[in-house]
PDB file of N, CA and C in Angstrom:
ATOM      1  N   UNK A   1      39.498  13.294   3.890  1.00  0.00           N
ATOM      2  CA  UNK A   1      39.078  12.285   3.388  1.00  0.00           C
ATOM      3  C   UNK A   1      38.145  12.021   3.070  1.00  0.00           C
ATOM      4  N   UNK A   2      36.733  11.983   4.035  1.00  0.00           N
ATOM      5  CA  UNK A   2      35.363  11.321   3.680  1.00  0.00           C
ATOM      6  C   UNK A   2      35.024  12.325   2.455  1.00  0.00           C
ATOM      7  N   UNK A   3      35.379  14.259   2.357  1.00  0.00           N
ATOM      8  CA  UNK A   3      34.543  14.772   1.661  1.00  0.00           C
ATOM      9  C   UNK A   3      35.365  14.209   0.300  1.00  0.00           C
ATOM     10  N   UNK A   4      36.902  13.879   0.131  1.00  0.00           N
ATOM     11  CA  UNK A   4      37.124  13.218  -1.208  1.00  0.00           C
ATOM     12  C   UNK A   4      36.407  11.858  -1.390  1.00  0.00           C
ATOM     13  N   UNK A   5      36.493  11.351  -0.709  1.00  0.00           N
ATOM     14  CA  UNK A   5      35.506  10.005  -0.951  1.00  0.00           C
ATOM     15  C   UNK A   5      34.490  10.649  -2.079  1.00  0.00           C
ATOM     16  N   UNK A   6      33.536  10.955  -1.651  1.00  0.00           N
ATOM     17  CA  UNK A   6      32.466  11.731  -2.060  1.00  0.00           C
ATOM     18  C   UNK A   6      32.894  11.915  -3.386  1.00  0.00           C
ATOM     19  N   UNK A   7      33.407  13.358  -3.171  1.00  0.00           N
ATOM     20  CA  UNK A   7      34.059  13.749  -4.667  1.00  0.00           C
ATOM     21  C   UNK A   7      33.942  12.958  -5.849  1.00  0.00           C
ATOM     22  N   UNK A   8      34.901  11.878  -5.194  1.00  0.00           N
ATOM     23  CA  UNK A   8      35.827  10.461  -6.041  1.00  0.00           C
ATOM     24  C   UNK A   8      34.087   9.944  -6.566  1.00  0.00           C
ATOM     25  N   UNK A   9      33.289   9.488  -5.812  1.00  0.00           N
ATOM     26  CA  UNK A   9      31.996   8.934  -6.202  1.00  0.00           C
ATOM     27  C   UNK A   9      31.287   9.231  -7.280  1.00  0.00           C
ATOM     28  N   UNK A  10      30.982  11.130  -6.664  1.00  0.00           N
ATOM     29  CA  UNK A  10      30.510  11.983  -7.731  1.00  0.00           C
ATOM     30  C   UNK A  10      30.859  11.881  -9.325  1.00  0.00           C
ATOM     31  N   UNK A  11      32.097  11.808  -9.436  1.00  0.00           N
ATOM     32  CA  UNK A  11      32.769  11.878 -10.413  1.00  0.00           C
ATOM     33  C   UNK A  11      32.752  10.566 -11.187  1.00  0.00           C
ATOM     34  N   UNK A  12      32.610   9.634 -10.211  1.00  0.00           N
ATOM     35  CA  UNK A  12      32.847   8.598 -11.146  1.00  0.00           C
ATOM     36  C   UNK A  12      31.465   8.160 -11.567  1.00  0.00           C
ATOM     37  N   UNK A  13      30.406   9.075 -10.855  1.00  0.00           N
ATOM     38  CA  UNK A  13      28.739   8.732 -11.517  1.00  0.00           C
ATOM     39  C   UNK A  13      28.726   9.559 -12.778  1.00  0.00           C
ATOM     40  N   UNK A  14      29.814  10.753 -12.705  1.00  0.00           N
ATOM     41  CA  UNK A  14      29.556  11.745 -14.157  1.00  0.00           C
ATOM     42  C   UNK A  14      30.288  11.281 -15.315  1.00  0.00           C
ATOM     43  N   UNK A  15      31.279  10.137 -14.906  1.00  0.00           N
ATOM     44  CA  UNK A  15      31.969   9.603 -16.055  1.00  0.00           C
ATOM     45  C   UNK A  15      30.755   8.146 -16.608  1.00  0.00           C
ATOM     46  N   UNK A  16      30.567   7.667 -15.434  1.00  0.00           N
ATOM     47  CA  UNK A  16      29.665   6.533 -15.982  1.00  0.00           C
ATOM     48  C   UNK A  16      28.452   7.160 -16.700  1.00  0.00           C
ATOM     49  N   UNK A  17      27.786   8.684 -16.390  1.00  0.00           N
ATOM     50  CA  UNK A  17      26.888   9.261 -17.788  1.00  0.00           C
ATOM     51  C   UNK A  17      26.872   9.392 -18.718  1.00  0.00           C
ATOM     52  N   UNK A  18      28.490   9.850 -18.990  1.00  0.00           N
ATOM     53  CA  UNK A  18      29.249  10.180 -20.040  1.00  0.00           C
ATOM     54  C   UNK A  18      29.625   9.027 -21.015  1.00  0.00           C
ATOM     55  N   UNK A  19      29.764   7.636 -20.131  1.00  0.00           N
ATOM     56  CA  UNK A  19      30.353   6.799 -20.909  1.00  0.00           C
ATOM     57  C   UNK A  19      28.956   5.978 -21.281  1.00  0.00           C
ATOM     58  N   UNK A  20      27.949   6.093 -20.658  1.00  0.00           N
ATOM     59  CA  UNK A  20      27.120   5.502 -21.452  1.00  0.00           C
ATOM     60  C   UNK A  20      26.451   5.662 -22.618  1.00  0.00           C
ATOM     61  N   UNK A  21      26.288   6.914 -22.873  1.00  0.00           N
ATOM     62  CA  UNK A  21      25.823   6.933 -24.477  1.00  0.00           C
ATOM     63  C   UNK A  21      27.228   6.670 -25.324  1.00  0.00           C
ATOM     64  N   UNK A  22      28.290   6.252 -24.945  1.00  0.00           N
ATOM     65  CA  UNK A  22      29.105   5.755 -25.740  1.00  0.00           C
ATOM     66  C   UNK A  22      28.922   4.527 -26.148  1.00  0.00           C
ATOM     67  N   UNK A  23      28.636   3.753 -25.035  1.00  0.00           N
ATOM     68  CA  UNK A  23      28.296   2.422 -25.110  1.00  0.00           C
ATOM     69  C   UNK A  23      26.847   2.064 -25.792  1.00  0.00           C
ATOM     70  N   UNK A  24      26.258   2.815 -25.415  1.00  0.00           N
ATOM     71  CA  UNK A  24      24.815   2.854 -26.159  1.00  0.00           C
ATOM     72  C   UNK A  24      25.125   2.952 -27.868  1.00  0.00           C
TER      73      UNK A  24
END
């Protein structure tokens, strides 16, 4: 479960990175 949470956080970070240029 802990590993899954970490993976989710990483995915969220990647998503934010991709969304960043779109917002800007």
